[in-house]
Protein backbone atom coordinates (compact mmCIF):
# COMPACT_ATOMS: atom_id res chain seq x y z
CA MET A 1 2.28 -37.04 27.61
CA ARG A 2 2.90 -37.50 23.86
CA TRP A 3 2.68 -34.50 21.54
CA LEU A 4 2.03 -33.76 17.90
CA GLN A 5 2.32 -30.29 16.35
CA LEU A 6 0.18 -29.61 13.27
CA ARG A 7 -0.49 -26.53 11.18
CA GLU A 8 -3.73 -25.60 9.49
CA SER A 9 -3.33 -26.79 5.90
CA SER A 10 -4.89 -28.85 3.14
CA ILE A 11 -1.56 -30.52 2.29
CA PRO A 12 -1.61 -34.20 3.39
CA GLU A 13 0.92 -35.21 6.05
CA ARG A 14 1.81 -38.70 7.26
CA HIS A 15 2.03 -39.25 11.02
CA SER A 16 2.22 -42.14 13.43
CA ILE A 17 -0.69 -41.64 15.84
CA PRO A 18 -2.91 -44.02 17.85
CA HIS A 19 -6.17 -45.21 16.34
CA ASP A 20 -8.18 -43.36 19.02
CA VAL A 21 -6.51 -40.06 18.09
CA ALA A 22 -7.27 -40.57 14.39
CA THR A 23 -10.90 -41.36 15.25
CA ALA A 24 -11.20 -38.22 17.40
CA LEU A 25 -9.78 -35.98 14.64
CA ASN A 26 -12.38 -37.33 12.22
CA GLN A 27 -15.32 -37.25 14.63
CA LEU A 28 -14.58 -33.68 15.75
CA ASP A 29 -14.36 -32.64 12.07
CA ILE A 30 -10.86 -31.27 12.61
CA ALA A 31 -9.28 -32.94 9.61
CA THR A 32 -9.64 -35.83 7.18
CA VAL A 33 -7.64 -38.75 8.57
CA THR A 34 -7.17 -41.97 6.61
CA PRO A 35 -5.02 -45.10 7.15
CA ALA A 36 -1.63 -44.95 5.43
CA GLY A 37 -0.42 -48.43 6.40
CA GLY A 38 2.09 -49.62 8.95
CA GLY A 39 0.21 -47.92 11.79
CA ASP A 40 0.59 -44.52 10.12
CA TRP A 41 -2.22 -42.13 9.18
CA THR A 42 -2.56 -39.43 6.54
CA ILE A 43 -3.86 -36.15 7.99
CA ALA A 44 -5.22 -33.70 5.41
CA ASN A 45 -7.55 -30.71 5.10
CA ILE A 46 -6.97 -29.41 8.64
CA ARG A 47 -9.79 -26.89 9.13
CA LYS A 48 -9.76 -26.12 12.84
CA VAL A 49 -7.09 -24.77 15.17
CA GLY A 50 -6.57 -25.18 18.87
CA VAL A 51 -5.81 -28.10 21.17
CA VAL A 52 -7.08 -31.68 21.25
CA GLN A 53 -6.20 -34.10 24.03
CA VAL A 54 -7.06 -37.79 23.68
CA ALA A 55 -6.08 -39.72 26.80
CA ASP A 56 -2.32 -38.98 27.16
CA PHE A 57 -1.87 -37.74 23.57
CA GLN A 58 -2.07 -34.02 22.81
CA ILE A 59 -2.28 -32.35 19.41
CA VAL A 60 -1.65 -28.62 19.03
CA ILE A 61 -2.93 -27.17 15.75
CA HIS A 62 -1.46 -23.80 14.77
CA PRO A 63 -3.25 -21.38 12.40
CA LYS A 64 -1.70 -20.23 9.12
CA VAL A 65 -2.17 -16.60 10.08
CA PRO A 66 -0.30 -15.11 13.06
CA VAL A 67 -1.91 -15.84 16.42
CA ALA A 68 -2.13 -12.11 17.20
CA ARG A 69 -4.06 -11.50 13.98
CA LEU A 70 -6.47 -14.32 14.65
CA PHE A 71 -7.14 -13.05 18.16
CA PHE A 72 -7.74 -9.57 16.78
CA MET A 73 -10.31 -10.89 14.29
CA MET A 74 -12.20 -12.83 16.97
CA SER A 75 -12.31 -10.01 19.49
CA TYR A 76 -13.16 -7.31 16.94
CA SER A 77 -16.15 -9.32 15.76
CA LEU A 78 -17.45 -9.39 19.33
CA ASP A 79 -16.66 -5.83 20.38
CA ARG A 80 -14.72 -3.33 18.31
CA GLU A 81 -14.36 -1.05 21.35
CA PHE A 82 -12.00 -3.69 22.78
CA TRP A 83 -9.23 -2.59 20.42
CA ARG A 84 -9.33 1.01 21.57
CA ASP A 85 -7.70 -0.10 24.81
CA GLU A 86 -4.08 1.05 24.68
CA ASP A 87 -2.93 -1.61 27.16
CA ILE A 88 -3.72 -4.59 24.92
CA THR A 89 -0.62 -6.56 24.02
CA ILE A 90 -0.30 -10.02 22.53
CA SER A 91 2.68 -12.33 22.76
CA SER A 92 4.66 -12.36 19.55
CA ASP A 93 6.28 -15.70 20.41
CA PRO A 94 5.91 -17.80 17.24
CA ASP A 95 5.98 -20.99 19.32
CA SER A 96 3.03 -19.93 21.49
CA ASP A 97 -0.16 -21.71 20.51
CA LEU A 98 -3.50 -19.93 20.19
CA VAL A 99 -5.12 -21.39 23.31
CA THR A 100 -2.14 -20.60 25.56
CA THR A 101 -2.07 -17.04 24.21
CA ILE A 102 -5.79 -16.57 24.89
CA ALA A 103 -5.45 -18.03 28.40
CA ALA A 104 -2.57 -15.65 29.22
CA MET A 105 -4.51 -12.67 27.83
CA PHE A 106 -7.58 -13.67 29.84
CA LEU A 107 -5.61 -13.82 33.08
CA GLN A 108 -3.99 -10.45 32.37
CA HIS A 109 -7.27 -8.64 31.76
CA ALA A 110 -9.22 -10.46 34.47
CA ALA A 111 -6.57 -9.43 37.02
CA ARG A 112 -6.85 -5.82 35.89
CA ALA A 113 -10.66 -5.95 35.98
CA THR A 114 -10.78 -7.24 39.56
CA ARG A 115 -7.83 -5.25 40.93
CA GLN A 116 -10.23 -2.94 42.81
CA GLY A 117 -12.21 -5.91 44.09
CA LEU A 118 -15.00 -7.98 42.61
CA LEU A 119 -17.88 -6.13 41.01
CA GLN A 120 -21.10 -6.40 43.02
CA GLY A 121 -24.71 -5.84 42.16
CA TYR A 122 -28.28 -6.66 43.12
CA GLU A 123 -29.60 -10.08 42.13
CA SER A 124 -33.17 -11.31 42.60
CA TYR A 125 -33.70 -14.67 44.31
CA GLU A 126 -36.83 -16.75 44.76
CA GLU A 127 -36.66 -19.16 47.68
CA SER A 128 -38.72 -21.11 50.19
CA LEU A 129 -37.89 -19.78 53.71
CA PRO A 130 -39.19 -20.30 57.25
CA ILE A 131 -39.50 -16.51 57.57
CA VAL A 132 -40.78 -13.77 55.29
CA ARG A 133 -37.92 -11.94 53.61
CA GLY A 134 -38.41 -9.39 50.85
CA ARG A 135 -41.85 -9.81 49.29
CA LEU A 136 -44.23 -12.74 49.39
CA ASN A 137 -44.84 -14.52 46.08
CA ILE A 138 -48.57 -15.03 46.56
CA PRO A 139 -49.28 -17.11 43.38
CA ALA A 140 -46.41 -19.46 44.27
CA GLN A 141 -47.52 -19.64 47.91
CA ILE A 142 -51.02 -20.69 46.87
CA GLY A 143 -49.93 -22.98 44.07
CA ARG A 144 -47.08 -24.75 45.83
CA ARG A 145 -48.07 -24.52 49.49
CA GLY A 146 -51.85 -24.75 49.21
CA GLY A 147 -52.23 -21.48 51.09
CA LEU A 148 -50.21 -22.56 54.14
CA ALA A 149 -48.36 -19.71 55.83
CA PHE A 150 -44.96 -21.43 56.00
CA PRO A 151 -42.54 -22.15 54.52
CA ALA A 152 -42.96 -18.84 52.70
CA GLN A 153 -42.36 -18.47 48.97
CA VAL A 154 -40.50 -15.15 48.84
CA VAL A 155 -38.67 -12.99 46.34
CA PHE A 156 -35.86 -10.76 47.58
CA ASP A 157 -32.92 -8.74 46.23
CA GLU A 158 -29.41 -9.19 47.57
CA PHE A 159 -26.23 -7.17 47.00
CA THR A 160 -23.78 -9.86 45.97
CA VAL A 161 -20.70 -10.80 43.93
CA ASP A 162 -22.74 -13.59 42.30
CA ILE A 163 -23.63 -11.52 39.23
CA ALA A 164 -23.44 -12.20 35.50
CA GLU A 165 -20.06 -10.51 34.98
CA ASN A 166 -18.32 -12.61 37.64
CA ARG A 167 -20.11 -15.78 36.55
CA LEU A 168 -18.72 -15.33 33.03
CA LEU A 169 -15.18 -14.90 34.38
CA LEU A 170 -15.44 -17.95 36.63
CA THR A 171 -16.96 -20.16 33.93
CA ALA A 172 -14.27 -19.16 31.41
CA ALA A 173 -11.51 -19.86 33.95
CA ARG A 174 -12.89 -23.31 34.75
CA ARG A 175 -13.31 -24.06 31.06
CA LEU A 176 -9.61 -23.35 30.55
CA LEU A 177 -8.67 -25.52 33.51
CA ASN A 178 -10.14 -28.49 31.63
CA LEU A 179 -7.01 -28.30 29.50
CA THR A 180 -4.51 -30.10 31.70
CA THR A 181 -1.62 -29.34 29.35
CA LEU A 182 -1.69 -25.57 29.63
CA PRO A 183 1.63 -24.27 31.02
CA HIS A 184 2.02 -24.87 34.76
CA GLN A 185 2.14 -21.17 35.70
CA ILE A 186 -1.04 -20.40 33.73
CA ARG A 187 -2.91 -23.26 35.41
CA THR A 188 -1.68 -22.07 38.81
CA ASP A 189 -2.90 -18.54 38.10
CA LEU A 190 -6.25 -19.86 36.86
CA ARG A 191 -6.75 -21.81 40.09
CA LYS A 192 -5.93 -18.71 42.13
CA MET A 193 -8.44 -16.77 40.05
CA THR A 194 -11.22 -19.28 40.72
CA GLN A 195 -10.45 -19.06 44.45
CA SER A 196 -10.70 -15.27 44.32
CA LEU A 197 -14.20 -15.65 42.85
CA ASP A 198 -15.51 -17.35 45.99
CA GLY A 199 -19.28 -16.94 46.27
CA VAL A 200 -19.78 -16.86 42.48
CA THR A 201 -21.63 -19.67 40.72
CA THR A 202 -20.65 -21.25 37.41
CA LEU A 203 -22.96 -20.81 34.43
CA THR A 204 -24.88 -23.94 33.49
CA SER A 205 -23.52 -25.61 30.37
CA GLY A 206 -25.90 -25.52 27.42
CA HIS A 207 -27.84 -22.49 28.67
CA GLU A 208 -27.73 -19.14 26.90
CA ARG A 209 -25.01 -16.92 28.26
CA PRO A 210 -26.08 -13.59 29.80
CA HIS A 211 -25.72 -10.46 27.68
CA ILE A 212 -23.79 -7.73 29.45
CA HIS A 213 -24.75 -4.08 28.99
CA PHE A 214 -21.68 -1.97 29.71
CA THR A 215 -21.92 1.23 31.75
CA ARG A 216 -19.37 3.29 33.67
CA LEU A 217 -19.96 0.96 36.64
CA ASN A 218 -18.78 -2.23 34.93
CA SER A 219 -16.60 -0.80 32.13
CA ARG A 220 -13.42 -2.07 33.86
CA TYR A 221 -14.62 -5.62 33.14
CA ARG A 222 -15.09 -5.04 29.41
CA SER A 223 -11.79 -6.41 28.06
CA ALA A 224 -11.84 -9.46 30.34
CA LEU A 225 -15.41 -10.29 29.35
CA VAL A 226 -14.66 -10.03 25.64
CA ILE A 227 -11.93 -12.65 26.08
CA ALA A 228 -14.21 -14.76 28.30
CA GLU A 229 -16.79 -14.73 25.50
CA ILE A 230 -14.16 -15.94 23.02
CA ILE A 231 -13.33 -18.80 25.38
CA LEU A 232 -16.95 -19.79 25.99
CA LYS A 233 -18.11 -19.29 22.40
CA ASN A 234 -15.68 -21.81 20.97
CA SER A 235 -15.72 -25.55 21.43
CA SER A 236 -14.51 -26.79 24.77
CA LEU A 237 -15.77 -30.26 25.38
CA GLU A 238 -15.08 -33.54 27.05
CA GLN A 239 -16.28 -36.80 25.54
CA ASP A 240 -15.90 -40.25 27.03
CA ARG A 241 -15.52 -43.15 24.62
CA GLY A 242 -15.24 -46.15 26.87
CA GLU A 243 -11.92 -45.75 28.65
CA ILE A 244 -10.80 -42.88 26.39
CA THR A 245 -11.53 -39.24 27.34
CA THR A 246 -11.24 -36.54 24.69
CA THR A 247 -10.90 -32.87 25.62
CA ALA A 248 -10.88 -30.27 22.86
CA PHE A 249 -10.63 -26.50 22.64
CA LEU A 250 -11.16 -25.69 18.98
CA PHE A 251 -11.74 -22.71 16.73
CA ASP A 252 -13.38 -22.95 13.30
CA MET A 253 -11.27 -20.88 10.92
CA TRP A 254 -14.15 -20.39 8.49
CA ARG A 255 -16.38 -19.01 11.26
CA ILE A 256 -13.73 -16.59 12.54
CA PHE A 257 -13.17 -15.30 9.00
CA GLU A 258 -16.89 -15.07 8.22
CA ASP A 259 -17.68 -13.19 11.45
CA PHE A 260 -14.86 -10.72 10.89
CA VAL A 261 -15.73 -10.06 7.24
CA THR A 262 -19.44 -9.57 7.88
CA THR A 263 -18.85 -7.38 10.96
CA THR A 264 -16.37 -5.04 9.27
CA LEU A 265 -18.22 -4.83 5.94
CA ALA A 266 -21.59 -4.30 7.63
CA GLN A 267 -20.40 -1.33 9.68
CA SER A 268 -18.60 0.22 6.69
CA LEU A 269 -21.57 -0.22 4.35
CA GLU A 270 -24.03 1.19 6.88
CA HIS A 271 -21.85 4.31 7.17
CA ARG A 272 -22.71 4.81 3.50
CA GLY A 273 -26.45 4.47 4.16
CA GLY A 274 -28.96 1.66 4.10
CA THR A 275 -28.98 -1.45 6.27
CA ALA A 276 -26.62 -4.42 6.28
CA GLN A 277 -28.21 -7.66 7.47
CA SER A 278 -26.01 -10.58 8.52
CA GLN A 279 -27.20 -14.13 7.91
CA ALA A 280 -30.38 -12.86 6.25
CA THR A 281 -33.14 -15.45 6.59
CA GLY A 282 -36.75 -15.76 5.42
CA THR A 283 -35.91 -15.69 1.70
CA TYR A 284 -36.41 -18.60 -0.68
CA LEU A 285 -35.21 -19.33 -4.18
CA ASP A 286 -38.32 -21.15 -5.38
CA VAL A 287 -42.05 -20.51 -5.52
CA GLY A 288 -42.88 -23.29 -3.08
CA SER A 289 -40.41 -21.98 -0.48
CA LYS A 290 -38.51 -25.26 -0.43
CA VAL A 291 -35.01 -23.88 -1.10
CA ALA A 292 -33.99 -21.44 1.63
CA LEU A 293 -31.35 -18.77 1.01
CA ARG A 294 -29.09 -17.36 3.72
CA PRO A 295 -26.40 -15.01 2.41
CA ASP A 296 -23.73 -13.95 4.87
CA LEU A 297 -24.46 -10.27 4.28
CA LEU A 298 -27.25 -8.47 2.43
CA TRP A 299 -27.01 -4.69 2.04
CA HIS A 300 -30.25 -3.00 1.13
CA ASP A 301 -31.90 0.40 0.89
CA GLY A 302 -35.32 -0.08 2.43
CA ASP A 303 -36.79 -3.10 0.62
CA LEU A 304 -34.38 -2.70 -2.31
CA PRO A 305 -31.32 -5.02 -2.21
CA ARG A 306 -28.09 -3.28 -3.23
CA ALA A 307 -25.40 -5.92 -2.63
CA VAL A 308 -25.11 -9.55 -1.59
CA ILE A 309 -21.89 -10.87 -0.06
CA ASP A 310 -20.64 -14.29 1.01
CA ALA A 311 -17.44 -14.81 3.01
CA LYS A 312 -15.52 -17.96 2.09
CA TYR A 313 -12.37 -18.74 4.05
CA LYS A 314 -11.57 -21.42 1.50
CA ALA A 315 -12.94 -22.03 -1.97
CA THR A 316 -15.50 -24.83 -1.86
CA LYS A 317 -14.45 -27.59 -4.24
CA PHE A 318 -16.46 -30.77 -4.67
CA ALA A 319 -15.70 -33.43 -7.24
CA ASN A 320 -19.00 -32.95 -9.09
CA TYR A 321 -19.39 -29.24 -8.30
CA PRO A 322 -15.92 -27.64 -8.25
CA ASN A 323 -17.43 -24.14 -8.48
CA ALA A 324 -20.12 -24.46 -5.81
CA ASP A 325 -19.42 -20.96 -4.43
CA PHE A 326 -20.26 -19.40 -7.80
CA TYR A 327 -23.46 -21.40 -8.22
CA GLN A 328 -24.57 -20.27 -4.78
CA MET A 329 -23.80 -16.60 -5.50
CA LEU A 330 -25.56 -16.79 -8.88
CA ALA A 331 -28.68 -18.04 -7.08
CA TYR A 332 -28.48 -15.05 -4.70
CA CYS A 333 -28.16 -12.59 -7.60
CA VAL A 334 -31.11 -14.12 -9.46
CA ARG A 335 -33.30 -14.09 -6.35
CA PHE A 336 -32.43 -10.53 -5.28
CA ASP A 337 -32.46 -9.13 -8.86
CA LEU A 338 -28.85 -7.99 -8.66
CA ASP A 339 -26.35 -7.73 -11.50
CA THR A 340 -23.36 -8.13 -9.17
CA GLY A 341 -22.49 -10.60 -6.43
CA HIS A 342 -19.44 -10.57 -4.17
CA LEU A 343 -17.41 -13.52 -2.84
CA VAL A 344 -14.77 -12.64 -0.24
CA TYR A 345 -11.93 -15.12 0.29
CA ALA A 346 -8.81 -15.24 2.42
CA LYS A 347 -5.84 -14.36 0.23
CA GLY A 348 -4.26 -17.43 -1.30
CA GLU A 349 -7.49 -19.41 -1.46
CA GLU A 350 -8.90 -17.75 -4.59
CA GLU A 351 -7.54 -15.13 -6.96
CA PRO A 352 -9.28 -11.73 -7.26
CA GLN A 353 -11.22 -11.85 -10.50
CA ILE A 354 -14.58 -11.16 -12.13
CA HIS A 355 -16.72 -13.90 -13.66
CA GLU A 356 -19.29 -12.72 -16.19
CA VAL A 357 -22.16 -15.19 -16.56
CA LEU A 358 -23.03 -16.19 -20.11
CA GLY A 359 -26.60 -15.43 -21.17
CA SER A 360 -27.07 -13.08 -18.22
CA THR A 361 -26.11 -9.62 -17.04
CA VAL A 362 -24.80 -11.05 -13.76
CA SER A 363 -21.10 -10.82 -12.85
CA ILE A 364 -19.55 -12.42 -9.77
CA HIS A 365 -16.66 -10.55 -8.18
CA CYS A 366 -14.07 -12.50 -6.17
CA HIS A 367 -12.14 -10.47 -3.59
CA ALA A 368 -9.10 -11.60 -1.57
CA VAL A 369 -8.38 -10.36 1.98
CA ASP A 370 -4.78 -10.40 3.17
CA LEU A 371 -4.95 -11.58 6.79
CA ASN A 372 -1.23 -11.10 7.41
CA GLN A 373 -1.57 -7.34 7.74
CA HIS A 374 -1.51 -5.57 11.10
CA PRO A 375 -4.93 -4.62 12.53
CA PRO A 376 -5.05 -0.97 11.30
CA ALA A 377 -4.02 -2.00 7.77
CA LEU A 378 -6.46 -4.91 7.82
CA LEU A 379 -9.33 -2.64 8.83
CA GLU A 380 -8.35 -0.15 6.14
CA GLN A 381 -8.35 -2.98 3.61
CA MET A 382 -11.89 -3.95 4.66
CA SER A 383 -13.01 -0.33 4.40
CA ARG A 384 -11.68 -0.10 0.84
CA LEU A 385 -13.45 -3.35 -0.04
CA ALA A 386 -16.72 -2.00 1.37
CA GLU A 387 -16.28 1.15 -0.72
CA LYS A 388 -15.79 -0.95 -3.84
CA ILE A 389 -18.90 -3.02 -3.07
CA ALA A 390 -20.90 0.12 -2.35
CA GLU A 391 -19.90 1.66 -5.68
CA HIS A 392 -21.25 -1.38 -7.51
CA GLY A 393 -24.39 -1.38 -5.38
CA MET A 394 -25.22 2.25 -6.08
CA THR A 395 -24.28 2.38 -9.75
CA THR A 396 -25.20 -1.07 -11.09
CA PRO A 397 -28.78 -0.91 -12.39
CA ILE A 398 -31.31 -3.13 -10.69
CA ARG A 399 -32.87 -5.49 -13.19
């Protein structure tokens, strides 16, 4: 197995990698890879983190922010109750990659969830049987069997371990086992875990995952299922290209940042009144409804917009439109009749500043979020940002 360690960055680096690896990095939209001559390639604009395996070549891509911070952002966006658990610990090993850390955390919390035995519940099944069990499905019996008595189309409930909670755990474990280069002990523990889930079926790939409603009966599974959702939500795929198989477990940094910003700002703004709508759809810029608008977060009081926010992990810079983020926010402000728009960046990607638009009353505020802070300080920072946005929303006159 050959290895290459990369770090999320826009700075070009020159590496000697096989052509198939370069092709995979481009096709999976992980980075921009171009020939550098002599069999070398220039790898730039790395925008995803995780693990990519192409045949016998593995690339580990580390995030700029600490792994523990990144995991916190992902899990908090899914379930903020997760971080009230006092037993949550994350490896501080700087050499540990994100995927290995998540796999170890998953095993830890899955073991704790199932320590008292697998959760069981009633599941409904519809089957064709030689005897009547449960209740007869009369429409199916007539439609499929032409009214014949047997086999009987029946519906019955069974108390079983094959329930949604266990299916999520099993599917996440098997997804991780696709990564053959996880540490030996973690792979061994994952195999043992799948064996302990005997009688549970794997979720079908491509189908919508079940939504779990937590009660006192299944609350012990909560932490494990949050991590399982992180595993299943992010890209884990195998692609065959002739004789080359590519396996990838990847996380989009922009999506993690966007989800965290919108989740934290939405809950803080709603504490101040009104409604915060993420990924607001159904609004158009033009009369003919040809240009759709979809701001990351729209805070409004009834039908009256009060603030519009877009989260940008990195400043968007195109050759012909180097200030695309500002053009987009200006369009939002014009459409929603707001004098102030808010762009939220990761610190280091754009400086905090205010842009006043000539010939208009609109000003665009750029905010920078420091992701290197510990979770309590990071949440406090987001709360202060929400307060600042709310002050503008309540005091800036609507045009």
